[in-house]
Amino acid sequence: MFLSGVFGRKDSGTKSVLVFDIGTSTIGVALVDLSSKKPGIIFSNRVEIVSHNNSILDLKDLLKYIDNFTDQIISKLPKPPTDIYFFLSSHF
């Protein structure tokens, strides 16, 4: 299963990951600590995304939202992630 690569134990020394969940109308992000047997959420946030004409966003607009959102949260993270994962729960 794909998620086992994110939340499973790794020998590579991974301590934390940043996980983006991109949907049709929201982008969520979580910093997850993987240093113990049970993953723990250190930080999470979700923002609404809306297109200019209230239609489904195209990829170019989505990338702008991700860039702006990432800039906003970087300063809020207590520690930098060792890996970053993106999950597209919508069809882009």
Protein backbone atom coordinates (compact mmCIF):
# COMPACT_ATOMS: atom_id res chain seq x y z
CA MET A 1 0.00 0.00 0.00
CA PHE A 2 1.31 3.46 -0.90
CA LEU A 3 0.66 5.01 2.53
CA SER A 4 2.85 2.41 4.20
CA GLY A 5 5.78 4.15 2.54
CA VAL A 6 4.81 7.36 4.32
CA PHE A 7 3.80 6.08 7.74
CA GLY A 8 5.75 2.82 7.91
CA ARG A 9 9.03 2.53 9.76
CA LYS A 10 11.96 3.56 7.60
CA ASP A 11 15.60 2.72 7.98
CA SER A 12 16.63 5.93 6.22
CA GLY A 13 16.44 7.99 9.44
CA THR A 14 13.33 9.92 8.43
CA LYS A 15 12.07 11.84 11.45
CA SER A 16 9.24 14.00 10.06
CA VAL A 17 7.28 14.43 6.85
CA LEU A 18 5.15 17.22 5.46
CA VAL A 19 1.94 15.84 3.93
CA PHE A 20 -0.22 17.90 1.57
CA ASP A 21 -3.82 16.84 0.92
CA ILE A 22 -5.12 18.64 -2.17
CA GLY A 23 -8.84 18.52 -2.81
CA THR A 24 -11.26 20.29 -5.10
CA SER A 25 -11.87 23.21 -2.73
CA THR A 26 -9.23 22.91 0.03
CA ILE A 27 -5.54 22.31 0.59
CA GLY A 28 -4.50 20.70 3.85
CA VAL A 29 -1.03 20.23 5.27
CA ALA A 30 0.33 18.33 8.26
CA LEU A 31 3.80 17.95 9.71
CA VAL A 32 3.95 14.38 11.02
CA ASP A 33 6.60 13.12 13.45
CA LEU A 34 7.73 9.60 12.59
CA SER A 35 10.45 9.22 15.20
CA SER A 36 8.38 6.91 17.42
CA LYS A 37 6.28 3.81 16.73
CA LYS A 38 3.07 5.87 16.64
CA PRO A 39 3.09 8.84 14.20
CA GLY A 40 2.15 12.16 15.78
CA ILE A 41 0.81 15.32 14.17
CA ILE A 42 3.01 18.27 15.11
CA PHE A 43 1.25 20.90 13.00
CA SER A 44 -1.74 20.95 10.68
CA ASN A 45 -3.70 23.53 8.72
CA ARG A 46 -6.27 23.63 5.91
CA VAL A 47 -7.24 26.52 3.64
CA GLU A 48 -10.06 26.97 1.19
CA ILE A 49 -9.18 27.46 -2.46
CA VAL A 50 -11.54 29.24 -4.82
CA SER A 51 -11.16 29.98 -8.51
CA HIS A 52 -11.74 33.43 -9.92
CA ASN A 53 -14.91 32.41 -11.75
CA ASN A 54 -16.14 29.83 -9.16
CA SER A 55 -15.22 26.90 -11.40
CA ILE A 56 -12.78 24.06 -10.79
CA LEU A 57 -9.21 25.29 -10.59
CA ASP A 58 -6.80 24.51 -13.36
CA LEU A 59 -3.35 23.19 -12.55
CA LYS A 60 -1.67 26.59 -12.94
CA ASP A 61 -3.97 28.20 -10.35
CA LEU A 62 -3.59 25.21 -8.04
CA LEU A 63 0.20 25.52 -8.12
CA LYS A 64 -0.10 29.23 -7.21
CA TYR A 65 -2.26 28.32 -4.19
CA ILE A 66 0.21 25.65 -3.10
CA ASP A 67 3.13 28.09 -3.44
CA ASN A 68 1.35 30.82 -1.43
CA PHE A 69 0.13 28.36 1.20
CA THR A 70 3.62 26.87 1.59
CA ASP A 71 5.13 30.33 2.05
CA GLN A 72 2.58 31.05 4.80
CA ILE A 73 3.19 27.86 6.79
CA ILE A 74 6.97 27.49 6.55
CA SER A 75 7.52 30.03 9.33
CA LYS A 76 4.98 28.22 11.55
CA LEU A 77 6.68 24.83 11.41
CA PRO A 78 8.58 23.95 14.59
CA LYS A 79 11.12 21.91 12.60
CA PRO A 80 11.80 21.30 8.90
CA PRO A 81 10.47 18.10 7.32
CA THR A 82 12.83 15.47 5.98
CA ASP A 83 10.37 14.47 3.22
CA ILE A 84 7.34 16.03 1.52
CA TYR A 85 4.36 14.10 0.11
CA PHE A 86 1.46 15.34 -2.02
CA PHE A 87 -1.88 13.55 -2.23
CA LEU A 88 -4.33 14.65 -4.90
CA SER A 89 -7.75 13.62 -3.70
CA SER A 90 -9.32 15.42 -6.62
CA HIS A 91 -8.92 15.01 -10.37
CA PHE A 92 -6.42 17.57 -11.68
